[in-house]
Amino acid sequence: MQPDHRARYTFGFALLAALLAALILWNLNTGSLHLSPAEVMDILLTRTGENAAIVWEMRLPRLIAAMLLGGALSISGFLLQTFFANPIAGPFVLGISSGAKLTVSLAMIGLLSRGRVIGSTGMILAAFCGAMLSMGFVLALAQRVRQMSLLIIAGVMVGYICSAVTDFVVTFAEDSNIVNLHNWSQGSFSGISWDNICVIAPVVLISLALAVLLSKPMSAYQLGEGCARSMGVNIRAFRAALILLSSVLSACVAAFAGPISFVGIAVPQLMKGLFGTAKPLVQVPACFAGGAVFCLFCDLAARTVFAPTELSISSVTAILGAPIVIFIMVRRRTRTL
């Protein structure tokens, strides 16, 4: 590693750590009830106090969920960008998040009509099925359509169709008053419990570890299929691993927070700019930390900008992420001229 690269990587990770620490404290302090940093620290250490339930049962699970799911969505986007070799490929753009959202809503409402409630594991499985169906359609289309622009458009159309069907199902369901169903269908970290965190954390962290283990073949794959094959990479198995990991991460996000737009596209590009490299061994942990920072900030904005009204997290991520995507597309177009 070159000395200048080492210094840049150190600065990048230090900056992300500082932003993450500041946003954690800011999120715990801020809400309908403002708490001082000293009061928050006392509650965290002793689990006692008049406002202990607010911190431990509402703000802390939501904060951890935003970090884990934001990181998961960012890594999912990076894996898809590596797979398709395109900077605007992502779970939301390709319709994967919307497909997962549709199957989860169908499962939730279908079980409700029978007087049953879907568990956390069931939500992830339902979301995974929807993510794989959407991904399967995109991959099948990729065999016929070689132009990435047409593939992206097809993915967007799939996303719109799935979102429209989901809205229709939720609107006309017999019992659409399930807790947080409407907020979830729009994208939200509210209503996350510790039981949910106990499912989210292992899924995301194991997937993160597997993505790190795939860093070496990803580096080879970025140089081209021929180069990767000459270095001993099993292309078919490698591609399957990328798809499965990306789908699991997208499904986990959709199951517990609904569809969240642009994080999977914008954050990997921001991290590439910050660290000055596309090396997976750097980008995977950077994307996870960057996704956590981005979603913590967006969730804070969603809760506070128009308080007491709370915006959907997807609206805020779109406002912040869409300009980044537009900039990427314009810059890429300029370079090709």
C-alpha atoms as a PDB file:
ATOM      1  CA  MET A   1       0.000   0.000   0.000  1.00  0.00           C
ATOM      2  CA  GLN A   2       1.351   3.409  -0.985  1.00  0.00           C
ATOM      3  CA  PRO A   3       1.923   5.868   1.918  1.00  0.00           C
ATOM      4  CA  ASP A   4      -0.413   8.452   0.371  1.00  0.00           C
ATOM      5  CA  HIS A   5      -3.109   5.788  -0.043  1.00  0.00           C
ATOM      6  CA  ARG A   6      -2.678   4.687   3.562  1.00  0.00           C
ATOM      7  CA  ALA A   7      -3.080   8.274   4.747  1.00  0.00           C
ATOM      8  CA  ARG A   8      -6.200   8.732   2.633  1.00  0.00           C
ATOM      9  CA  TYR A   9      -7.755   5.502   3.897  1.00  0.00           C
ATOM     10  CA  THR A  10      -6.963   6.460   7.494  1.00  0.00           C
ATOM     11  CA  PHE A  11      -8.514   9.880   7.011  1.00  0.00           C
ATOM     12  CA  GLY A  12     -11.609   8.406   5.335  1.00  0.00           C
ATOM     13  CA  PHE A  13     -12.334   5.872   8.050  1.00  0.00           C
ATOM     14  CA  ALA A  14     -11.563   8.399  10.805  1.00  0.00           C
ATOM     15  CA  LEU A  15     -14.006  10.854   9.232  1.00  0.00           C
ATOM     16  CA  LEU A  16     -16.724   8.190   8.990  1.00  0.00           C
ATOM     17  CA  ALA A  17     -16.130   7.156  12.617  1.00  0.00           C
ATOM     18  CA  ALA A  18     -16.382  10.771  13.805  1.00  0.00           C
ATOM     19  CA  LEU A  19     -19.580  11.378  11.811  1.00  0.00           C
ATOM     20  CA  LEU A  20     -21.063   8.123  13.089  1.00  0.00           C
ATOM     21  CA  ALA A  21     -20.317   8.992  16.727  1.00  0.00           C
ATOM     22  CA  ALA A  22     -21.770  12.493  16.336  1.00  0.00           C
ATOM     23  CA  LEU A  23     -24.927  11.223  14.635  1.00  0.00           C
ATOM     24  CA  ILE A  24     -25.466   8.498  17.249  1.00  0.00           C
ATOM     25  CA  LEU A  25     -25.406  11.079  20.024  1.00  0.00           C
ATOM     26  CA  TRP A  26     -27.530  13.513  17.992  1.00  0.00           C
ATOM     27  CA  ASN A  27     -30.163  10.866  17.243  1.00  0.00           C
ATOM     28  CA  LEU A  28     -30.371   9.794  20.886  1.00  0.00           C
ATOM     29  CA  ASN A  29     -30.746  13.391  22.071  1.00  0.00           C
ATOM     30  CA  THR A  30     -33.233  14.596  19.481  1.00  0.00           C
ATOM     31  CA  GLY A  31     -36.935  13.858  19.184  1.00  0.00           C
ATOM     32  CA  SER A  32     -40.283  14.973  20.512  1.00  0.00           C
ATOM     33  CA  LEU A  33     -38.529  15.080  23.888  1.00  0.00           C
ATOM     34  CA  HIS A  34     -35.069  16.650  23.877  1.00  0.00           C
ATOM     35  CA  LEU A  35     -32.545  14.997  26.184  1.00  0.00           C
ATOM     36  CA  SER A  36     -29.155  16.368  27.158  1.00  0.00           C
ATOM     37  CA  PRO A  37     -26.008  14.346  26.378  1.00  0.00           C
ATOM     38  CA  ALA A  38     -25.396  13.848  30.112  1.00  0.00           C
ATOM     39  CA  GLU A  39     -28.917  12.483  30.610  1.00  0.00           C
ATOM     40  CA  VAL A  40     -28.572  10.143  27.648  1.00  0.00           C
ATOM     41  CA  MET A  41     -25.248   8.788  28.922  1.00  0.00           C
ATOM     42  CA  ASP A  42     -26.702   8.246  32.390  1.00  0.00           C
ATOM     43  CA  ILE A  43     -29.667   6.339  30.940  1.00  0.00           C
ATOM     44  CA  LEU A  44     -27.399   4.201  28.754  1.00  0.00           C
ATOM     45  CA  LEU A  45     -25.158   3.305  31.688  1.00  0.00           C
ATOM     46  CA  THR A  46     -27.799   2.748  34.366  1.00  0.00           C
ATOM     47  CA  ARG A  47     -30.948   1.932  32.355  1.00  0.00           C
ATOM     48  CA  THR A  48     -32.857   3.962  34.904  1.00  0.00           C
ATOM     49  CA  GLY A  49     -34.532   7.336  34.872  1.00  0.00           C
ATOM     50  CA  GLU A  50     -37.801   8.921  33.896  1.00  0.00           C
ATOM     51  CA  ASN A  51     -37.001   8.748  30.171  1.00  0.00           C
ATOM     52  CA  ALA A  52     -35.188   5.395  30.111  1.00  0.00           C
ATOM     53  CA  ALA A  53     -37.973   3.709  28.126  1.00  0.00           C
ATOM     54  CA  ILE A  54     -37.771   6.379  25.397  1.00  0.00           C
ATOM     55  CA  VAL A  55     -34.052   5.824  24.922  1.00  0.00           C
ATOM     56  CA  TRP A  56     -33.903   2.035  25.346  1.00  0.00           C
ATOM     57  CA  GLU A  57     -37.165   0.945  23.744  1.00  0.00           C
ATOM     58  CA  MET A  58     -37.647   3.552  21.003  1.00  0.00           C
ATOM     59  CA  ARG A  59     -34.579   5.552  20.009  1.00  0.00           C
ATOM     60  CA  LEU A  60     -31.798   2.992  20.480  1.00  0.00           C
ATOM     61  CA  PRO A  61     -33.417   0.145  18.472  1.00  0.00           C
ATOM     62  CA  ARG A  62     -34.322   2.596  15.724  1.00  0.00           C
ATOM     63  CA  LEU A  63     -30.784   3.975  15.663  1.00  0.00           C
ATOM     64  CA  ILE A  64     -29.192   0.519  15.466  1.00  0.00           C
ATOM     65  CA  ALA A  65     -31.637  -0.491  12.725  1.00  0.00           C
ATOM     66  CA  ALA A  66     -30.779   2.616  10.686  1.00  0.00           C
ATOM     67  CA  MET A  67     -27.074   1.822  10.983  1.00  0.00           C
ATOM     68  CA  LEU A  68     -27.366  -1.878  10.122  1.00  0.00           C
ATOM     69  CA  LEU A  69     -29.933  -1.515   7.347  1.00  0.00           C
ATOM     70  CA  GLY A  70     -28.243   1.554   5.863  1.00  0.00           C
ATOM     71  CA  GLY A  71     -24.960  -0.343   5.734  1.00  0.00           C
ATOM     72  CA  ALA A  72     -26.701  -3.394   4.266  1.00  0.00           C
ATOM     73  CA  LEU A  73     -28.339  -1.366   1.516  1.00  0.00           C
ATOM     74  CA  SER A  74     -25.069   0.318   0.604  1.00  0.00           C
ATOM     75  CA  ILE A  75     -23.176  -2.989   0.377  1.00  0.00           C
ATOM     76  CA  SER A  76     -26.012  -4.476  -1.677  1.00  0.00           C
ATOM     77  CA  GLY A  77     -25.645  -1.589  -4.121  1.00  0.00           C
ATOM     78  CA  PHE A  78     -21.872  -2.043  -4.323  1.00  0.00           C
ATOM     79  CA  LEU A  79     -22.272  -5.760  -5.056  1.00  0.00           C
ATOM     80  CA  LEU A  80     -24.771  -5.055  -7.827  1.00  0.00           C
ATOM     81  CA  GLN A  81     -22.557  -2.346  -9.319  1.00  0.00           C
ATOM     82  CA  THR A  82     -19.703  -4.846  -9.345  1.00  0.00           C
ATOM     83  CA  PHE A  83     -21.905  -7.521 -10.933  1.00  0.00           C
ATOM     84  CA  PHE A  84     -23.278  -5.299 -13.708  1.00  0.00           C
ATOM     85  CA  ALA A  85     -20.149  -3.093 -13.981  1.00  0.00           C
ATOM     86  CA  ASN A  86     -22.431  -0.056 -13.877  1.00  0.00           C
ATOM     87  CA  PRO A  87     -22.345   2.789 -11.300  1.00  0.00           C
ATOM     88  CA  ILE A  88     -26.125   3.316 -11.240  1.00  0.00           C
ATOM     89  CA  ALA A  89     -27.093  -0.306 -10.627  1.00  0.00           C
ATOM     90  CA  GLY A  90     -28.778  -0.707  -7.246  1.00  0.00           C
ATOM     91  CA  PRO A  91     -31.527  -2.661  -5.492  1.00  0.00           C
ATOM     92  CA  PHE A  92     -34.057   0.172  -5.760  1.00  0.00           C
ATOM     93  CA  VAL A  93     -33.325   1.085  -9.378  1.00  0.00           C
ATOM     94  CA  LEU A  94     -33.428  -2.544 -10.550  1.00  0.00           C
ATOM     95  CA  GLY A  95     -36.775  -3.134  -8.835  1.00  0.00           C
ATOM     96  CA  ILE A  96     -35.374  -5.607  -6.294  1.00  0.00           C
ATOM     97  CA  SER A  97     -36.451  -3.593  -3.248  1.00  0.00           C
ATOM     98  CA  SER A  98     -39.943  -3.097  -4.673  1.00  0.00           C
ATOM     99  CA  GLY A  99     -40.290  -6.815  -5.410  1.00  0.00           C
ATOM    100  CA  ALA A 100     -39.333  -7.621  -1.824  1.00  0.00           C
ATOM    101  CA  LYS A 101     -41.775  -4.995  -0.583  1.00  0.00           C
ATOM    102  CA  LEU A 102     -44.610  -6.574  -2.578  1.00  0.00           C
ATOM    103  CA  THR A 103     -44.120 -10.110  -1.272  1.00  0.00           C
ATOM    104  CA  VAL A 104     -43.762  -8.928   2.332  1.00  0.00           C
ATOM    105  CA  SER A 105     -46.983  -6.895   2.142  1.00  0.00           C
ATOM    106  CA  LEU A 106     -48.832  -9.849   0.588  1.00  0.00           C
ATOM    107  CA  ALA A 107     -47.553 -12.172   3.315  1.00  0.00           C
ATOM    108  CA  MET A 108     -48.394  -9.730   6.120  1.00  0.00           C
ATOM    109  CA  ILE A 109     -51.922  -9.017   4.926  1.00  0.00           C
ATOM    110  CA  GLY A 110     -52.589 -12.640   3.958  1.00  0.00           C
ATOM    111  CA  LEU A 111     -51.712 -13.855   7.449  1.00  0.00           C
ATOM    112  CA  LEU A 112     -53.640 -11.001   9.070  1.00  0.00           C
ATOM    113  CA  SER A 113     -56.790 -12.067   7.266  1.00  0.00           C
ATOM    114  CA  ARG A 114     -56.388 -15.423   9.010  1.00  0.00           C
ATOM    115  CA  GLY A 115     -55.784 -13.872  12.400  1.00  0.00           C
ATOM    116  CA  ARG A 116     -52.045 -14.538  12.387  1.00  0.00           C
ATOM    117  CA  VAL A 117     -49.001 -12.252  12.514  1.00  0.00           C
ATOM    118  CA  ILE A 118     -45.859 -12.830  10.480  1.00  0.00           C
ATOM    119  CA  GLY A 119     -42.612 -13.078  12.429  1.00  0.00           C
ATOM    120  CA  SER A 120     -39.257 -11.497  11.680  1.00  0.00           C
ATOM    121  CA  THR A 121     -37.877 -14.625  10.019  1.00  0.00           C
ATOM    122  CA  GLY A 122     -41.004 -14.962   7.901  1.00  0.00           C
ATOM    123  CA  MET A 123     -40.682 -11.352   6.775  1.00  0.00           C
ATOM    124  CA  ILE A 124     -37.104 -11.889   5.627  1.00  0.00           C
ATOM    125  CA  LEU A 125     -38.029 -15.094   3.786  1.00  0.00           C
ATOM    126  CA  ALA A 126     -40.956 -13.392   2.051  1.00  0.00           C
ATOM    127  CA  ALA A 127     -38.777 -10.421   1.119  1.00  0.00           C
ATOM    128  CA  PHE A 128     -36.034 -12.727  -0.150  1.00  0.00           C
ATOM    129  CA  CYS A 129     -38.513 -14.497  -2.425  1.00  0.00           C
ATOM    130  CA  GLY A 130     -39.651 -11.164  -3.870  1.00  0.00           C
ATOM    131  CA  ALA A 131     -36.062  -9.953  -4.275  1.00  0.00           C
ATOM    132  CA  MET A 132     -35.066 -13.146  -6.083  1.00  0.00           C
ATOM    133  CA  LEU A 133     -38.092 -12.980  -8.382  1.00  0.00           C
ATOM    134  CA  SER A 134     -37.269  -9.400  -9.359  1.00  0.00           C
ATOM    135  CA  MET A 135     -33.582 -10.212  -9.740  1.00  0.00           C
ATOM    136  CA  GLY A 136     -34.452 -13.278 -11.828  1.00  0.00           C
ATOM    137  CA  PHE A 137     -36.478 -11.112 -14.194  1.00  0.00           C
ATOM    138  CA  VAL A 138     -33.637  -8.602 -14.511  1.00  0.00           C
ATOM    139  CA  LEU A 139     -31.081 -11.353 -15.162  1.00  0.00           C
ATOM    140  CA  ALA A 140     -33.343 -13.016 -17.739  1.00  0.00           C
ATOM    141  CA  LEU A 141     -33.750  -9.675 -19.475  1.00  0.00           C
ATOM    142  CA  ALA A 142     -30.004  -9.107 -19.340  1.00  0.00           C
ATOM    143  CA  GLN A 143     -29.534 -12.178 -21.536  1.00  0.00           C
ATOM    144  CA  ARG A 144     -31.569 -10.525 -24.272  1.00  0.00           C
ATOM    145  CA  VAL A 145     -30.803  -6.840 -23.723  1.00  0.00           C
ATOM    146  CA  ARG A 146     -27.123  -5.960 -23.850  1.00  0.00           C
ATOM    147  CA  GLN A 147     -27.644  -2.227 -23.413  1.00  0.00           C
ATOM    148  CA  MET A 148     -27.402  -1.350 -19.733  1.00  0.00           C
ATOM    149  CA  SER A 149     -29.606   1.729 -20.200  1.00  0.00           C
ATOM    150  CA  LEU A 150     -32.515  -0.447 -21.372  1.00  0.00           C
ATOM    151  CA  LEU A 151     -31.908  -2.881 -18.526  1.00  0.00           C
ATOM    152  CA  ILE A 152     -32.039  -0.060 -15.980  1.00  0.00           C
ATOM    153  CA  ILE A 153     -35.267   1.259 -17.518  1.00  0.00           C
ATOM    154  CA  ALA A 154     -36.797  -2.230 -17.330  1.00  0.00           C
ATOM    155  CA  GLY A 155     -35.787  -2.478 -13.678  1.00  0.00           C
ATOM    156  CA  VAL A 156     -37.383   0.893 -12.938  1.00  0.00           C
ATOM    157  CA  MET A 157     -40.604  -0.234 -14.634  1.00  0.00           C
ATOM    158  CA  VAL A 158     -40.635  -3.444 -12.568  1.00  0.00           C
ATOM    159  CA  GLY A 159     -40.200  -1.337  -9.459  1.00  0.00           C
ATOM    160  CA  TYR A 160     -43.119   0.915 -10.371  1.00  0.00           C
ATOM    161  CA  ILE A 161     -45.362  -2.064 -11.086  1.00  0.00           C
ATOM    162  CA  CYS A 162     -44.506  -3.765  -7.792  1.00  0.00           C
ATOM    163  CA  SER A 163     -44.976  -0.518  -5.850  1.00  0.00           C
ATOM    164  CA  ALA A 164     -48.353   0.120  -7.501  1.00  0.00           C
ATOM    165  CA  VAL A 165     -49.579  -3.396  -6.705  1.00  0.00           C
ATOM    166  CA  THR A 166     -48.343  -3.034  -3.120  1.00  0.00           C
ATOM    167  CA  ASP A 167     -50.178   0.266  -2.656  1.00  0.00           C
ATOM    168  CA  PHE A 168     -53.332  -1.270  -4.095  1.00  0.00           C
ATOM    169  CA  VAL A 169     -53.122  -4.289  -1.784  1.00  0.00           C
ATOM    170  CA  VAL A 170     -52.447  -2.181   1.314  1.00  0.00           C
ATOM    171  CA  THR A 171     -55.220   0.310   0.492  1.00  0.00           C
ATOM    172  CA  PHE A 172     -57.940  -2.279  -0.057  1.00  0.00           C
ATOM    173  CA  ALA A 173     -56.898  -4.846   2.527  1.00  0.00           C
ATOM    174  CA  GLU A 174     -59.600  -5.817   5.027  1.00  0.00           C
ATOM    175  CA  ASP A 175     -57.349  -4.962   7.929  1.00  0.00           C
ATOM    176  CA  SER A 176     -54.788  -2.375   6.909  1.00  0.00           C
ATOM    177  CA  ASN A 177     -54.423  -0.990  10.424  1.00  0.00           C
ATOM    178  CA  ILE A 178     -51.535  -3.267  11.307  1.00  0.00           C
ATOM    179  CA  VAL A 179     -48.970  -1.306  13.317  1.00  0.00           C
ATOM    180  CA  ASN A 180     -46.653   0.701  11.060  1.00  0.00           C
ATOM    181  CA  LEU A 181     -47.896  -1.025   7.870  1.00  0.00           C
ATOM    182  CA  HIS A 182     -48.525   2.240   6.043  1.00  0.00           C
ATOM    183  CA  ASN A 183     -45.263   3.795   7.249  1.00  0.00           C
ATOM    184  CA  TRP A 184     -43.399   0.630   6.350  1.00  0.00           C
ATOM    185  CA  SER A 185     -44.826   0.610   2.818  1.00  0.00           C
ATOM    186  CA  GLN A 186     -43.456   4.145   2.360  1.00  0.00           C
ATOM    187  CA  GLY A 187     -40.109   3.395   3.998  1.00  0.00           C
ATOM    188  CA  SER A 188     -39.509   3.931   7.708  1.00  0.00           C
ATOM    189  CA  PHE A 189     -37.293   2.838  10.588  1.00  0.00           C
ATOM    190  CA  SER A 190     -40.042   3.454  13.150  1.00  0.00           C
ATOM    191  CA  GLY A 191     -41.478   0.562  15.115  1.00  0.00           C
ATOM    192  CA  ILE A 192     -38.242  -1.447  15.153  1.00  0.00           C
ATOM    193  CA  SER A 193     -38.001  -3.571  18.309  1.00  0.00           C
ATOM    194  CA  TRP A 194     -35.151  -5.388  20.016  1.00  0.00           C
ATOM    195  CA  ASP A 195     -36.604  -8.660  18.739  1.00  0.00           C
ATOM    196  CA  ASN A 196     -36.232  -7.301  15.207  1.00  0.00           C
ATOM    197  CA  ILE A 197     -32.645  -6.236  15.940  1.00  0.00           C
ATOM    198  CA  CYS A 198     -31.842  -9.779  17.101  1.00  0.00           C
ATOM    199  CA  VAL A 199     -32.778 -10.989  13.606  1.00  0.00           C
ATOM    200  CA  ILE A 200     -31.386  -8.068  11.601  1.00  0.00           C
ATOM    201  CA  ALA A 201     -27.932  -8.027  13.220  1.00  0.00           C
ATOM    202  CA  PRO A 202     -26.879 -11.654  12.475  1.00  0.00           C
ATOM    203  CA  VAL A 203     -28.187 -11.505   8.894  1.00  0.00           C
ATOM    204  CA  VAL A 204     -26.432  -8.236   8.084  1.00  0.00           C
ATOM    205  CA  LEU A 205     -23.174  -8.913   9.923  1.00  0.00           C
ATOM    206  CA  ILE A 206     -22.768 -12.421   8.476  1.00  0.00           C
ATOM    207  CA  SER A 207     -23.468 -11.026   5.001  1.00  0.00           C
ATOM    208  CA  LEU A 208     -20.910  -8.277   5.640  1.00  0.00           C
ATOM    209  CA  ALA A 209     -18.297 -10.866   6.598  1.00  0.00           C
ATOM    210  CA  LEU A 210     -19.043 -12.919   3.476  1.00  0.00           C
ATOM    211  CA  ALA A 211     -18.772  -9.793   1.307  1.00  0.00           C
ATOM    212  CA  VAL A 212     -15.338  -9.093   2.811  1.00  0.00           C
ATOM    213  CA  LEU A 213     -14.302 -12.681   2.026  1.00  0.00           C
ATOM    214  CA  LEU A 214     -15.327 -12.081  -1.603  1.00  0.00           C
ATOM    215  CA  SER A 215     -13.080  -9.015  -1.875  1.00  0.00           C
ATOM    216  CA  LYS A 216     -10.264 -10.814  -3.696  1.00  0.00           C
ATOM    217  CA  PRO A 217     -12.428 -12.380  -6.449  1.00  0.00           C
ATOM    218  CA  MET A 218     -14.318  -9.071  -6.748  1.00  0.00           C
ATOM    219  CA  SER A 219     -11.024  -7.269  -7.386  1.00  0.00           C
ATOM    220  CA  ALA A 220     -10.241  -9.755 -10.134  1.00  0.00           C
ATOM    221  CA  TYR A 221     -13.751  -9.504 -11.571  1.00  0.00           C
ATOM    222  CA  GLN A 222     -13.449  -5.721 -11.797  1.00  0.00           C
ATOM    223  CA  LEU A 223     -10.579  -6.251 -14.249  1.00  0.00           C
ATOM    224  CA  GLY A 224     -12.800  -8.308 -16.541  1.00  0.00           C
ATOM    225  CA  GLU A 225     -14.187 -11.829 -16.737  1.00  0.00           C
ATOM    226  CA  GLY A 226     -11.180 -13.121 -18.657  1.00  0.00           C
ATOM    227  CA  CYS A 227      -8.745 -11.822 -16.069  1.00  0.00           C
ATOM    228  CA  ALA A 228     -10.831 -13.202 -13.218  1.00  0.00           C
ATOM    229  CA  ARG A 229     -11.064 -16.607 -14.891  1.00  0.00           C
ATOM    230  CA  SER A 230      -7.298 -16.681 -15.457  1.00  0.00           C
ATOM    231  CA  MET A 231      -6.823 -15.992 -11.731  1.00  0.00           C
ATOM    232  CA  GLY A 232      -8.878 -19.057 -10.835  1.00  0.00           C
ATOM    233  CA  VAL A 233     -12.233 -17.409 -10.112  1.00  0.00           C
ATOM    234  CA  ASN A 234     -15.237 -19.621 -10.782  1.00  0.00           C
ATOM    235  CA  ILE A 235     -17.336 -17.016 -12.586  1.00  0.00           C
ATOM    236  CA  ARG A 236     -20.660 -18.826 -12.292  1.00  0.00           C
ATOM    237  CA  ALA A 237     -20.277 -19.512  -8.558  1.00  0.00           C
ATOM    238  CA  PHE A 238     -18.952 -15.998  -7.962  1.00  0.00           C
ATOM    239  CA  ARG A 239     -21.889 -14.367  -9.735  1.00  0.00           C
ATOM    240  CA  ALA A 240     -24.333 -16.552  -7.812  1.00  0.00           C
ATOM    241  CA  ALA A 241     -22.682 -15.483  -4.550  1.00  0.00           C
ATOM    242  CA  LEU A 242     -22.987 -11.800  -5.466  1.00  0.00           C
ATOM    243  CA  ILE A 243     -26.656 -12.182  -6.369  1.00  0.00           C
ATOM    244  CA  LEU A 244     -27.522 -14.144  -3.227  1.00  0.00           C
ATOM    245  CA  LEU A 245     -25.700 -11.758  -0.903  1.00  0.00           C
ATOM    246  CA  SER A 246     -27.195  -8.693  -2.550  1.00  0.00           C
ATOM    247  CA  SER A 247     -30.691 -10.207  -2.429  1.00  0.00           C
ATOM    248  CA  VAL A 248     -30.380 -11.221   1.233  1.00  0.00           C
ATOM    249  CA  LEU A 249     -29.242  -7.721   2.212  1.00  0.00           C
ATOM    250  CA  SER A 250     -31.970  -6.037   0.135  1.00  0.00           C
ATOM    251  CA  ALA A 251     -34.577  -8.422   1.541  1.00  0.00           C
ATOM    252  CA  CYS A 252     -33.551  -7.679   5.114  1.00  0.00           C
ATOM    253  CA  VAL A 253     -33.914  -3.948   4.506  1.00  0.00           C
ATOM    254  CA  ALA A 254     -37.276  -4.287   2.754  1.00  0.00           C
ATOM    255  CA  ALA A 255     -38.633  -6.645   5.421  1.00  0.00           C
ATOM    256  CA  PHE A 256     -38.072  -4.262   8.320  1.00  0.00           C
ATOM    257  CA  ALA A 257     -37.893  -0.763   6.807  1.00  0.00           C
ATOM    258  CA  GLY A 258     -39.696  -1.022   3.482  1.00  0.00           C
ATOM    259  CA  PRO A 259     -38.247   0.374   0.251  1.00  0.00           C
ATOM    260  CA  ILE A 260     -35.454   2.919   0.688  1.00  0.00           C
ATOM    261  CA  SER A 261     -34.318   4.658  -2.463  1.00  0.00           C
ATOM    262  CA  PHE A 262     -30.930   5.778  -3.810  1.00  0.00           C
ATOM    263  CA  VAL A 263     -28.797   4.689  -0.825  1.00  0.00           C
ATOM    264  CA  GLY A 264     -27.486   1.673  -2.733  1.00  0.00           C
ATOM    265  CA  ILE A 265     -26.398   3.877  -5.631  1.00  0.00           C
ATOM    266  CA  ALA A 266     -25.265   7.093  -3.994  1.00  0.00           C
ATOM    267  CA  VAL A 267     -23.254   5.830  -1.020  1.00  0.00           C
ATOM    268  CA  PRO A 268     -20.873   3.513  -2.940  1.00  0.00           C
ATOM    269  CA  GLN A 269     -20.084   6.375  -5.313  1.00  0.00           C
ATOM    270  CA  LEU A 270     -19.493   8.762  -2.416  1.00  0.00           C
ATOM    271  CA  MET A 271     -17.160   6.234  -0.789  1.00  0.00           C
ATOM    272  CA  LYS A 272     -15.220   5.789  -4.030  1.00  0.00           C
ATOM    273  CA  GLY A 273     -14.753   9.542  -4.166  1.00  0.00           C
ATOM    274  CA  LEU A 274     -13.766   9.777  -0.497  1.00  0.00           C
ATOM    275  CA  PHE A 275     -11.234   6.936  -0.567  1.00  0.00           C
ATOM    276  CA  GLY A 276     -10.120   7.372  -4.170  1.00  0.00           C
ATOM    277  CA  THR A 277     -10.368   3.669  -4.923  1.00  0.00           C
ATOM    278  CA  ALA A 278     -12.824   0.971  -5.981  1.00  0.00           C
ATOM    279  CA  LYS A 279     -10.902  -1.829  -4.215  1.00  0.00           C
ATOM    280  CA  PRO A 280     -13.504  -4.115  -2.598  1.00  0.00           C
ATOM    281  CA  LEU A 281     -11.374  -4.698   0.499  1.00  0.00           C
ATOM    282  CA  VAL A 282     -11.644  -0.962   1.199  1.00  0.00           C
ATOM    283  CA  GLN A 283     -15.054  -0.324  -0.319  1.00  0.00           C
ATOM    284  CA  VAL A 284     -17.024  -3.041   1.520  1.00  0.00           C
ATOM    285  CA  PRO A 285     -16.329  -1.716   5.053  1.00  0.00           C
ATOM    286  CA  ALA A 286     -16.412   1.870   3.770  1.00  0.00           C
ATOM    287  CA  CYS A 287     -19.824   1.348   2.173  1.00  0.00           C
ATOM    288  CA  PHE A 288     -21.156  -0.222   5.358  1.00  0.00           C
ATOM    289  CA  ALA A 289     -19.962   2.711   7.484  1.00  0.00           C
ATOM    290  CA  GLY A 290     -21.035   5.256   4.864  1.00  0.00           C
ATOM    291  CA  GLY A 291     -24.483   3.702   4.571  1.00  0.00           C
ATOM    292  CA  ALA A 292     -24.883   3.824   8.348  1.00  0.00           C
ATOM    293  CA  VAL A 293     -23.890   7.504   8.430  1.00  0.00           C
ATOM    294  CA  PHE A 294     -26.127   8.403   5.466  1.00  0.00           C
ATOM    295  CA  CYS A 295     -29.222   6.655   6.850  1.00  0.00           C
ATOM    296  CA  LEU A 296     -28.704   7.977  10.380  1.00  0.00           C
ATOM    297  CA  PHE A 297     -28.607  11.507   9.001  1.00  0.00           C
ATOM    298  CA  CYS A 298     -31.623  10.937   6.752  1.00  0.00           C
ATOM    299  CA  ASP A 299     -33.621   9.382   9.594  1.00  0.00           C
ATOM    300  CA  LEU A 300     -32.779  12.326  11.827  1.00  0.00           C
ATOM    301  CA  ALA A 301     -33.953  14.717   9.108  1.00  0.00           C
ATOM    302  CA  ALA A 302     -37.132  12.693   8.553  1.00  0.00           C
ATOM    303  CA  ARG A 303     -38.001  12.927  12.254  1.00  0.00           C
ATOM    304  CA  THR A 304     -37.092  16.541  12.943  1.00  0.00           C
ATOM    305  CA  VAL A 305     -37.355  18.801   9.879  1.00  0.00           C
ATOM    306  CA  PHE A 306     -41.167  18.992   9.958  1.00  0.00           C
ATOM    307  CA  ALA A 307     -41.716  17.716  13.504  1.00  0.00           C
ATOM    308  CA  PRO A 308     -44.103  16.512  14.831  1.00  0.00           C
ATOM    309  CA  THR A 309     -44.884  15.255  11.276  1.00  0.00           C
ATOM    310  CA  GLU A 310     -42.462  12.507  10.248  1.00  0.00           C
ATOM    311  CA  LEU A 311     -41.399  12.104   6.644  1.00  0.00           C
ATOM    312  CA  SER A 312     -40.796   8.721   5.047  1.00  0.00           C
ATOM    313  CA  ILE A 313     -37.129   7.821   5.045  1.00  0.00           C
ATOM    314  CA  SER A 314     -37.271   7.090   1.308  1.00  0.00           C
ATOM    315  CA  SER A 315     -38.366  10.667   0.597  1.00  0.00           C
ATOM    316  CA  VAL A 316     -35.354  12.082   2.407  1.00  0.00           C
ATOM    317  CA  THR A 317     -32.875   9.639   0.849  1.00  0.00           C
ATOM    318  CA  ALA A 318     -34.291  10.505  -2.568  1.00  0.00           C
ATOM    319  CA  ILE A 319     -33.844  14.243  -1.986  1.00  0.00           C
ATOM    320  CA  LEU A 320     -30.223  13.751  -0.941  1.00  0.00           C
ATOM    321  CA  GLY A 321     -29.322  10.790  -3.143  1.00  0.00           C
ATOM    322  CA  ALA A 322     -30.944  11.698  -6.468  1.00  0.00           C
ATOM    323  CA  PRO A 323     -28.653  14.698  -7.133  1.00  0.00           C
ATOM    324  CA  ILE A 324     -25.649  12.430  -6.550  1.00  0.00           C
ATOM    325  CA  VAL A 325     -26.971   9.924  -9.087  1.00  0.00           C
ATOM    326  CA  ILE A 326     -27.634  12.699 -11.622  1.00  0.00           C
ATOM    327  CA  PHE A 327     -24.091  13.993 -11.122  1.00  0.00           C
ATOM    328  CA  ILE A 328     -22.681  10.487 -11.667  1.00  0.00           C
ATOM    329  CA  MET A 329     -24.644  10.054 -14.904  1.00  0.00           C
ATOM    330  CA  VAL A 330     -23.653  13.484 -16.235  1.00  0.00           C
ATOM    331  CA  ARG A 331     -19.979  12.980 -15.379  1.00  0.00           C
ATOM    332  CA  ARG A 332     -19.971   9.525 -16.957  1.00  0.00           C
ATOM    333  CA  ARG A 333     -21.608  10.909 -20.105  1.00  0.00           C
ATOM    334  CA  THR A 334     -19.076  13.738 -20.263  1.00  0.00           C
ATOM    335  CA  ARG A 335     -16.154  11.318 -20.017  1.00  0.00           C
ATOM    336  CA  THR A 336     -17.459   9.243 -22.937  1.00  0.00           C
ATOM    337  CA  LEU A 337     -17.746  12.250 -25.273  1.00  0.00           C
END
